[in-house]
């Protein structure tokens, strides 16, 4: 028995459906065309402004006196530029980016000229406005701008963000306060409740001056901080500023519960006292904890030491991992310390 399904679709319905899809497709194509036209227009405008800004900043950079700077601002083409674009928000954002980029690569009088222009045009108000933004990347960029343009009068506002819940804002604020005030900017370490990544620690060290005085009390406070990453960074500071007077207090951190702190403690001791580090640690092996023994093995391997006394005692250790590592290191050193027990055969003449 065959069943036939008759579907009756009216001609009017087909026409309406076809017309709907036709209009939808035409609207989508029209939207794409308008968007592309706008995109190309914005791109060309940006390229044009970058070219004009480049010429403008070049003239500002080459000035030697304040009178010359004022003369540049009074030029007809600069006045036209100010009237046409300096009141456009996007154009001002682009100008700030070009100014910040130029300031990063300049020094001396040229850098001072760029800073003067930033202040004269009132661009710091734009950066401060974005600092109040709720969007994290807008706020982070504004912090970068204020730091690069040395707006030290805004340090208090930036300092508030050094313990921000947003890691990107927090990172930029920490780098900014150190860049602007040097070692004093590290005071946020005393109240930091969020972890300080190892990459961030390296970035902060890069902003610090190579030669500076850092108080012992401050270092010892950070070394006792409940935030393990702050303790790790304090140990890095000991190496950075060659604080040999605090080397004796570092040994205690080789038994710290945090692995990163233990590792940095070893690196600190090796960096500050390479000649006595391994022997001092080896003397603590008989009564030392598992952490001490692991630190000894790490240091032994990093220093490529040929001393086997400490390794021999660890071959019988109760921890399997330590025994295995000690045996591995001994096998590596065995050709060096293998006793000469073989006899050389002589050929009868």
Protein backbone atom coordinates (compact mmCIF):
# COMPACT_ATOMS: atom_id res chain seq x y z
CA UNK A 1 0.00 0.00 0.00
CA UNK A 2 1.51 3.26 -1.04
CA UNK A 3 1.06 6.48 0.81
CA UNK A 4 1.17 9.76 -1.03
CA UNK A 5 1.89 12.97 0.78
CA UNK A 6 0.52 15.94 -1.03
CA UNK A 7 2.14 19.22 -0.04
CA UNK A 8 0.37 22.25 -1.31
CA UNK A 9 2.47 25.45 -1.17
CA UNK A 10 0.85 28.55 -2.43
CA UNK A 11 2.55 30.70 -5.00
CA UNK A 12 2.17 33.74 -2.75
CA UNK A 13 4.10 32.01 0.07
CA UNK A 14 6.98 31.13 -2.23
CA UNK A 15 7.17 34.67 -3.51
CA UNK A 16 7.15 36.11 -0.01
CA UNK A 17 9.87 33.73 1.17
CA UNK A 18 12.04 34.43 -1.85
CA UNK A 19 11.56 38.15 -1.40
CA UNK A 20 12.54 37.91 2.29
CA UNK A 21 15.81 36.09 1.56
CA UNK A 22 16.55 38.46 -1.30
CA UNK A 23 16.09 41.50 0.93
CA UNK A 24 18.12 39.87 3.73
CA UNK A 25 21.00 39.09 1.36
CA UNK A 26 20.89 42.58 -0.13
CA UNK A 27 20.90 44.12 3.37
CA UNK A 28 23.85 41.97 4.43
CA UNK A 29 25.83 42.89 1.32
CA UNK A 30 24.99 46.58 1.83
CA UNK A 31 26.13 46.40 5.46
CA UNK A 32 29.44 44.77 4.45
CA UNK A 33 30.03 47.38 1.77
CA UNK A 34 29.35 50.25 4.16
CA UNK A 35 31.56 48.66 6.83
CA UNK A 36 34.44 48.14 4.38
CA UNK A 37 34.14 51.70 3.11
CA UNK A 38 34.24 52.99 6.66
CA UNK A 39 37.16 50.71 7.53
CA UNK A 40 39.19 51.85 4.54
CA UNK A 41 38.37 55.48 5.31
CA UNK A 42 39.46 55.11 8.94
CA UNK A 43 42.64 53.34 7.89
CA UNK A 44 43.54 56.08 5.40
CA UNK A 45 42.76 58.76 7.97
CA UNK A 46 44.98 57.02 10.50
CA UNK A 47 47.84 56.73 8.01
CA UNK A 48 47.45 60.39 7.07
CA UNK A 49 47.47 61.48 10.70
CA UNK A 50 50.50 59.33 11.50
CA UNK A 51 52.37 61.00 8.68
CA UNK A 52 51.33 64.50 9.79
CA UNK A 53 52.07 63.74 13.45
CA UNK A 54 55.50 62.41 12.49
CA UNK A 55 56.37 65.71 10.77
CA UNK A 56 54.92 67.67 13.68
CA UNK A 57 56.88 65.76 16.32
CA UNK A 58 60.07 65.95 14.28
CA UNK A 59 59.89 69.75 14.31
CA UNK A 60 59.21 69.73 18.05
CA UNK A 61 62.15 67.42 18.72
CA UNK A 62 64.59 69.62 16.76
CA UNK A 63 63.81 72.75 18.78
CA UNK A 64 66.50 74.09 21.13
CA UNK A 65 64.57 76.77 23.01
CA UNK A 66 61.09 77.37 24.32
CA UNK A 67 60.65 80.19 21.80
CA UNK A 68 61.27 77.77 18.95
CA UNK A 69 58.71 75.38 20.42
CA UNK A 70 56.10 78.14 20.55
CA UNK A 71 56.93 79.14 17.00
CA UNK A 72 56.21 75.59 15.80
CA UNK A 73 52.79 75.68 17.46
CA UNK A 74 52.03 79.00 15.75
CA UNK A 75 52.74 77.73 12.24
CA UNK A 76 49.64 77.84 10.00
CA UNK A 77 49.64 74.13 9.18
CA UNK A 78 49.98 73.24 12.87
CA UNK A 79 47.12 75.61 13.74
CA UNK A 80 45.02 73.95 11.05
CA UNK A 81 45.94 70.56 12.47
CA UNK A 82 44.91 71.63 15.97
CA UNK A 83 41.57 73.03 14.84
CA UNK A 84 40.76 70.04 12.66
CA UNK A 85 41.97 67.08 14.68
CA UNK A 86 42.96 67.96 18.24
CA UNK A 87 39.32 68.04 19.29
CA UNK A 88 38.63 64.58 17.89
CA UNK A 89 38.93 61.90 20.59
CA UNK A 90 40.33 59.19 18.32
CA UNK A 91 42.83 61.62 16.78
CA UNK A 92 44.02 62.67 20.24
CA UNK A 93 44.44 59.02 21.24
CA UNK A 94 46.59 58.45 18.19
CA UNK A 95 48.65 61.56 18.96
CA UNK A 96 49.25 60.37 22.52
CA UNK A 97 50.43 56.99 21.25
CA UNK A 98 52.84 58.65 18.81
CA UNK A 99 54.13 60.95 21.55
CA UNK A 100 54.66 58.07 23.99
CA UNK A 101 56.39 56.03 21.28
CA UNK A 102 58.71 58.95 20.51
CA UNK A 103 59.47 59.63 24.17
CA UNK A 104 60.57 56.02 24.72
CA UNK A 105 63.31 56.33 22.12
CA UNK A 106 64.56 59.81 23.04
CA UNK A 107 66.63 61.40 25.78
CA UNK A 108 67.93 64.80 26.79
CA UNK A 109 66.48 67.94 25.21
CA UNK A 110 64.49 65.98 22.63
CA UNK A 111 62.71 64.04 25.35
CA UNK A 112 62.06 67.23 27.32
CA UNK A 113 60.47 68.80 24.23
CA UNK A 114 58.07 65.86 23.86
CA UNK A 115 57.13 66.09 27.54
CA UNK A 116 56.53 69.83 27.15
CA UNK A 117 54.23 69.20 24.20
CA UNK A 118 52.28 66.56 26.14
CA UNK A 119 51.66 69.02 28.94
CA UNK A 120 51.01 72.05 26.73
CA UNK A 121 48.32 70.29 24.73
CA UNK A 122 46.67 69.04 27.93
CA UNK A 123 46.98 65.41 26.88
CA UNK A 124 47.51 64.26 30.46
CA UNK A 125 43.81 64.92 31.03
CA UNK A 126 43.01 62.35 28.35
CA UNK A 127 45.21 59.78 30.09
CA UNK A 128 43.64 60.55 33.48
CA UNK A 129 40.17 60.17 32.02
CA UNK A 130 41.06 56.70 30.72
CA UNK A 131 42.61 55.86 34.10
CA UNK A 132 39.09 56.07 35.54
CA UNK A 133 37.76 53.66 32.92
CA UNK A 134 36.14 50.38 33.96
CA UNK A 135 37.70 48.61 30.96
CA UNK A 136 40.91 46.92 32.04
CA UNK A 137 42.96 47.41 28.86
CA UNK A 138 42.02 51.10 28.66
CA UNK A 139 43.13 51.63 32.25
CA UNK A 140 46.34 49.63 31.73
CA UNK A 141 47.27 51.72 28.68
CA UNK A 142 46.63 54.97 30.55
CA UNK A 143 48.99 53.81 33.32
CA UNK A 144 51.66 53.14 30.71
CA UNK A 145 51.16 56.61 29.22
CA UNK A 146 51.36 58.43 32.56
CA UNK A 147 54.51 56.53 33.52
CA UNK A 148 56.29 57.10 30.20
CA UNK A 149 55.39 60.78 30.27
CA UNK A 150 56.73 61.08 33.85
CA UNK A 151 53.52 62.36 35.40
CA UNK A 152 54.85 61.89 38.93
CA UNK A 153 52.09 64.03 40.39
CA UNK A 154 49.71 61.15 39.59
CA UNK A 155 51.76 58.56 41.48
CA UNK A 156 49.16 58.20 44.24
CA UNK A 157 46.42 57.26 41.78
CA UNK A 158 48.66 54.74 40.06
CA UNK A 159 49.88 53.29 43.35
CA UNK A 160 46.30 52.36 44.27
CA UNK A 161 46.26 49.96 41.32
CA UNK A 162 49.41 48.02 42.35
CA UNK A 163 47.22 45.58 44.26
CA UNK A 164 44.37 45.50 41.73
CA UNK A 165 42.45 42.28 41.26
CA UNK A 166 43.09 42.49 37.51
CA UNK A 167 46.58 41.05 36.83
CA UNK A 168 47.21 43.27 33.79
CA UNK A 169 46.35 46.49 35.59
CA UNK A 170 48.33 45.36 38.62
CA UNK A 171 51.38 44.55 36.49
CA UNK A 172 51.39 47.88 34.67
CA UNK A 173 50.87 49.84 37.90
CA UNK A 174 53.76 48.05 39.64
CA UNK A 175 56.13 48.69 36.76
CA UNK A 176 54.94 52.30 36.53
CA UNK A 177 55.58 53.21 40.18
CA UNK A 178 59.06 51.66 40.06
CA UNK A 179 59.85 53.41 36.79
CA UNK A 180 58.70 56.74 38.21
CA UNK A 181 60.17 56.59 41.72
CA UNK A 182 62.84 53.88 41.67
CA UNK A 183 63.35 51.75 44.78
CA UNK A 184 60.77 53.73 46.72
CA UNK A 185 58.17 52.43 44.31
CA UNK A 186 58.67 48.93 45.73
CA UNK A 187 56.78 49.87 48.88
CA UNK A 188 53.74 48.11 47.42
CA UNK A 189 55.48 44.82 48.29
CA UNK A 190 54.59 45.36 51.94
CA UNK A 191 50.86 45.20 51.23
CA UNK A 192 50.74 43.00 48.12
CA UNK A 193 48.22 40.21 48.52
CA UNK A 194 48.42 38.79 44.99
CA UNK A 195 51.24 36.60 43.63
CA UNK A 196 54.15 38.25 41.86
CA UNK A 197 55.01 36.15 38.82
CA UNK A 198 58.64 35.39 38.05
CA UNK A 199 58.37 37.30 34.77
CA UNK A 200 57.00 40.31 36.64
CA UNK A 201 59.90 40.08 39.08
CA UNK A 202 62.35 40.21 36.18
CA UNK A 203 60.51 43.20 34.70
CA UNK A 204 60.66 45.05 38.01
CA UNK A 205 64.37 44.38 38.38
CA UNK A 206 64.91 45.82 34.89
CA UNK A 207 63.32 49.10 36.01
CA UNK A 208 65.48 49.45 39.12
CA UNK A 209 68.73 51.44 39.07
CA UNK A 210 71.88 49.33 39.07
CA UNK A 211 73.43 51.25 41.94
CA UNK A 212 71.23 52.35 44.78
CA UNK A 213 70.83 52.04 48.53
CA UNK A 214 68.08 49.81 49.81
CA UNK A 215 67.45 49.63 53.52
CA UNK A 216 68.21 46.43 55.41
CA UNK A 217 65.03 46.79 57.46
CA UNK A 218 62.96 46.94 54.31
CA UNK A 219 64.64 43.86 52.82
CA UNK A 220 64.24 41.84 56.00
CA UNK A 221 60.56 42.83 56.17
CA UNK A 222 59.96 41.56 52.65
CA UNK A 223 61.88 38.36 53.40
CA UNK A 224 59.39 37.68 56.20
CA UNK A 225 56.30 38.53 54.14
CA UNK A 226 53.41 36.03 54.11
CA UNK A 227 53.32 36.37 50.31
CA UNK A 228 55.81 33.76 49.07
CA UNK A 229 56.41 35.58 45.80
CA UNK A 230 57.47 38.70 47.72
CA UNK A 231 60.00 36.59 49.65
CA UNK A 232 61.32 35.21 46.36
CA UNK A 233 61.66 38.71 44.92
CA UNK A 234 63.46 39.93 48.07
CA UNK A 235 66.03 37.16 47.55
CA UNK A 236 66.46 38.34 43.96
CA UNK A 237 67.07 41.86 45.28
CA UNK A 238 69.92 40.57 47.45
CA UNK A 239 71.68 39.38 44.30
CA UNK A 240 70.80 42.48 42.30
CA UNK A 241 72.36 44.78 44.90
CA UNK A 242 75.07 42.38 46.05
CA UNK A 243 74.01 42.33 49.70
CA UNK A 244 76.75 40.05 51.04
CA UNK A 245 75.92 41.15 54.59
CA UNK A 246 72.64 39.23 54.49
CA UNK A 247 73.97 35.96 53.05
CA UNK A 248 73.82 34.22 56.44
CA UNK A 249 70.06 34.77 56.67
CA UNK A 250 69.43 33.18 53.28
CA UNK A 251 70.32 29.63 54.36
CA UNK A 252 67.10 29.37 56.36
CA UNK A 253 65.07 29.80 53.18
CA UNK A 254 66.48 26.59 51.74
CA UNK A 255 63.95 24.82 53.99
CA UNK A 256 61.08 27.10 53.02
CA UNK A 257 57.80 25.28 52.23
CA UNK A 258 57.52 27.04 48.86
CA UNK A 259 59.56 25.42 46.06
CA UNK A 260 60.18 28.71 44.19
CA UNK A 261 61.58 30.32 47.34
CA UNK A 262 63.86 27.33 47.97
CA UNK A 263 65.15 27.46 44.39
CA UNK A 264 65.80 31.19 44.58
CA UNK A 265 67.55 30.77 47.94
CA UNK A 266 69.99 28.35 46.31
CA UNK A 267 70.57 30.71 43.39
CA UNK A 268 71.13 33.60 45.80
CA UNK A 269 73.71 31.70 47.85
CA UNK A 270 75.51 30.51 44.72
CA UNK A 271 75.56 34.04 43.29
CA UNK A 272 76.78 35.74 46.47
CA UNK A 273 79.08 33.04 47.86
CA UNK A 274 79.93 30.43 45.20
CA UNK A 275 83.12 29.23 46.91
CA UNK A 276 81.55 28.25 50.23
CA UNK A 277 77.95 27.58 49.20
CA UNK A 278 78.24 23.87 48.46
CA UNK A 279 80.39 23.03 51.48
CA UNK A 280 78.14 24.98 53.83
CA UNK A 281 75.12 23.15 52.52
CA UNK A 282 76.88 19.79 52.60
CA UNK A 283 77.61 20.21 56.30
CA UNK A 284 73.85 20.32 56.96
CA UNK A 285 73.07 17.09 55.12
CA UNK A 286 73.21 14.66 58.10
CA UNK A 287 70.43 16.50 59.96
CA UNK A 288 68.94 18.39 57.06
CA UNK A 289 65.42 18.05 55.78
CA UNK A 290 64.41 16.67 52.40
CA UNK A 291 64.32 20.23 51.07
CA UNK A 292 67.92 20.81 52.13
CA UNK A 293 69.05 17.61 50.44
CA UNK A 294 67.24 18.51 47.24
CA UNK A 295 68.79 21.98 47.30
CA UNK A 296 72.20 20.39 47.71
CA UNK A 297 71.65 18.15 44.70
CA UNK A 298 70.41 21.06 42.59
CA UNK A 299 73.37 23.19 43.59
CA UNK A 300 75.79 20.32 42.99
CA UNK A 301 74.46 19.88 39.47
CA UNK A 302 74.31 23.60 38.64
CA UNK A 303 77.89 24.18 39.82
CA UNK A 304 79.21 20.99 38.13
CA UNK A 305 81.06 20.15 41.33
CA UNK A 306 83.40 17.14 41.44
CA UNK A 307 83.06 16.58 45.17
CA UNK A 308 81.55 13.17 45.92
CA UNK A 309 81.57 13.18 49.73
CA UNK A 310 78.07 14.61 50.11
CA UNK A 311 76.70 12.50 47.26
CA UNK A 312 78.02 9.32 48.83
CA UNK A 313 76.08 10.03 52.01
CA UNK A 314 72.88 10.60 50.05
CA UNK A 315 73.13 7.28 48.18
CA UNK A 316 71.79 5.59 51.33
CA UNK A 317 69.10 8.20 51.98
CA UNK A 318 65.59 7.08 52.88
CA UNK A 319 63.99 9.15 50.10
CA UNK A 320 63.97 7.24 46.82
CA UNK A 321 64.10 10.35 44.63
CA UNK A 322 67.12 11.67 46.49
CA UNK A 323 68.88 8.30 46.27
CA UNK A 324 68.23 8.10 42.55
CA UNK A 325 69.48 11.64 41.88
CA UNK A 326 72.59 11.11 44.01
CA UNK A 327 73.38 7.87 42.16
CA UNK A 328 72.92 9.61 38.82
CA UNK A 329 75.34 12.37 39.76
CA UNK A 330 77.86 9.86 41.08
CA UNK A 331 77.73 7.91 37.82
CA UNK A 332 78.39 11.15 35.97
CA UNK A 333 81.44 11.80 38.13
CA UNK A 334 82.71 8.20 38.29
CA UNK A 335 85.15 8.48 35.34
CA UNK A 336 86.84 11.35 37.12
CA UNK A 337 87.15 9.63 40.47
CA UNK A 338 87.54 6.00 39.36
CA UNK A 339 90.60 4.51 41.09
CA UNK A 340 93.41 3.32 38.86
CA UNK A 341 93.24 -0.44 39.54
CA UNK A 342 93.83 -1.76 36.04
CA UNK A 343 97.25 -3.18 35.16
CA UNK A 344 98.91 -2.45 31.88
CA UNK A 345 100.07 -5.53 30.06
CA UNK A 346 103.57 -5.43 28.74
CA UNK A 347 104.68 -7.05 25.52
CA UNK A 348 107.70 -9.26 26.04
CA UNK A 349 110.62 -8.10 24.03
